[in-house]
Amino acid sequence: MIILKKLTTAQSITFIPRELAATTIILRNESTNIETTINATFYLNDYYLTTTNIYNLEENTFYNLTVKNGSNIVYKDKIFCTNQVVEDYTVNKNQYVANVTTNEFKIYE
């Protein structure tokens, strides 16, 4: 899974494709099912392709990523958009507080 932020500046995606060339990116929002096609420039670095683009993403949303070379699919993945720090990410941020209890369970035979 690729993690991107909701930004108005360019972000990079690096991946290992099935073919060493690509021309377009298709992003499909999993919530609304709307597809966006981006004609992108890809750079080859060893076995990796890298592209840098500005993505119009909504925070806390999953996207299906499809990279094509002409009509051939060369890479598929998921993208999750969040502005939280990935290492500290929680789906419950500022929404849920756990109650601390001192439950002591005893097992009787």
Protein backbone atom coordinates (compact mmCIF):
# COMPACT_ATOMS: atom_id res chain seq x y z
CA MET A 1 0.00 0.00 0.00
CA ILE A 2 1.20 3.49 -0.85
CA ILE A 3 0.60 6.30 1.63
CA LEU A 4 0.19 9.82 0.22
CA LYS A 5 -0.79 13.11 1.83
CA LYS A 6 -3.46 15.62 0.89
CA LEU A 7 -1.12 18.27 -0.54
CA THR A 8 -1.13 20.79 -3.35
CA THR A 9 2.53 20.03 -4.12
CA ALA A 10 4.03 17.15 -6.07
CA GLN A 11 4.51 13.71 -4.47
CA SER A 12 6.52 10.76 -5.76
CA ILE A 13 5.49 7.15 -6.26
CA THR A 14 8.16 4.46 -6.78
CA PHE A 15 7.33 0.86 -7.70
CA ILE A 16 8.57 -2.26 -9.48
CA PRO A 17 6.49 -2.67 -12.66
CA ARG A 18 5.79 -5.68 -14.88
CA GLU A 19 7.31 -3.75 -17.82
CA LEU A 20 10.00 -1.08 -17.58
CA ALA A 21 7.85 1.61 -19.20
CA ALA A 22 4.58 3.37 -18.38
CA THR A 23 2.50 6.25 -19.70
CA THR A 24 -0.63 6.79 -17.57
CA ILE A 25 -1.90 6.56 -14.00
CA ILE A 26 -5.54 5.77 -13.21
CA LEU A 27 -6.78 6.54 -9.70
CA ARG A 28 -10.20 5.23 -8.67
CA ASN A 29 -11.74 6.56 -5.47
CA GLU A 30 -13.12 3.52 -3.61
CA SER A 31 -15.86 5.57 -1.93
CA THR A 32 -17.28 7.37 -4.96
CA ASN A 33 -16.02 5.05 -7.74
CA ILE A 34 -14.80 8.09 -9.73
CA GLU A 35 -11.74 7.52 -11.90
CA THR A 36 -9.06 10.11 -12.65
CA THR A 37 -6.54 9.56 -15.44
CA ILE A 38 -3.14 11.27 -15.26
CA ASN A 39 -0.70 11.33 -18.17
CA ALA A 40 2.58 11.06 -16.29
CA THR A 41 6.29 10.99 -16.95
CA PHE A 42 8.10 7.99 -15.49
CA TYR A 43 11.80 7.66 -14.74
CA LEU A 44 13.64 4.33 -14.71
CA ASN A 45 16.06 3.65 -11.84
CA ASP A 46 17.40 0.06 -11.93
CA TYR A 47 14.19 -2.03 -11.73
CA TYR A 48 12.04 0.79 -10.33
CA LEU A 49 9.82 3.32 -12.05
CA THR A 50 9.30 6.67 -10.34
CA THR A 51 6.81 9.38 -11.14
CA THR A 52 6.23 12.73 -9.46
CA ASN A 53 2.82 14.37 -9.82
CA ILE A 54 0.25 16.48 -8.03
CA TYR A 55 -2.61 14.21 -6.96
CA ASN A 56 -6.06 15.55 -6.05
CA LEU A 57 -6.78 13.29 -3.07
CA GLU A 58 -9.25 13.37 -0.18
CA GLU A 59 -7.98 12.67 3.32
CA ASN A 60 -8.85 9.30 4.92
CA THR A 61 -9.80 7.82 1.55
CA PHE A 62 -8.61 4.70 -0.26
CA TYR A 63 -7.82 4.71 -3.98
CA ASN A 64 -7.10 1.92 -6.46
CA LEU A 65 -3.96 2.71 -8.44
CA THR A 66 -3.49 1.31 -11.93
CA VAL A 67 -0.41 2.19 -13.99
CA LYS A 68 -0.56 1.47 -17.71
CA ASN A 69 1.83 1.42 -20.63
CA GLY A 70 -0.53 2.07 -23.51
CA SER A 71 -3.27 -0.50 -22.91
CA ASN A 72 -1.08 -2.91 -20.86
CA ILE A 73 -1.40 -2.83 -17.08
CA VAL A 74 2.11 -2.68 -15.63
CA TYR A 75 1.32 -2.10 -11.93
CA LYS A 76 -1.63 -2.18 -9.52
CA ASP A 77 -1.74 -1.10 -5.89
CA LYS A 78 -3.79 0.76 -3.28
CA ILE A 79 -3.25 4.31 -2.09
CA PHE A 80 -4.38 5.66 1.26
CA CYS A 81 -4.46 9.42 1.76
CA THR A 82 -3.70 10.72 5.27
CA ASN A 83 -1.93 13.74 6.73
CA GLN A 84 -1.16 11.91 9.96
CA VAL A 85 2.38 10.71 10.62
CA VAL A 86 2.38 7.13 9.33
CA GLU A 87 4.21 5.71 12.37
CA ASP A 88 1.64 7.29 14.73
CA TYR A 89 -1.44 6.68 12.54
CA THR A 90 -4.64 5.61 14.24
CA VAL A 91 -8.14 5.44 12.80
CA ASN A 92 -9.50 6.69 16.14
CA LYS A 93 -7.40 9.86 16.39
CA ASN A 94 -9.17 12.36 18.69
CA GLN A 95 -12.38 10.32 18.58
CA TYR A 96 -12.10 7.47 21.04
CA VAL A 97 -10.68 7.23 24.53
CA ALA A 98 -10.28 3.77 26.04
CA ASN A 99 -11.39 3.22 29.62
CA VAL A 100 -8.72 1.79 31.87
CA THR A 101 -10.02 -0.89 34.22
CA THR A 102 -8.48 -3.24 36.71
CA ASN A 103 -10.43 -6.35 35.81
CA GLU A 104 -9.24 -9.35 37.72
CA PHE A 105 -10.53 -12.63 36.41
CA LYS A 106 -10.50 -15.72 38.57
CA ILE A 107 -10.94 -19.19 37.20
CA TYR A 108 -12.55 -21.74 39.54
CA GLU A 109 -12.39 -25.43 38.94
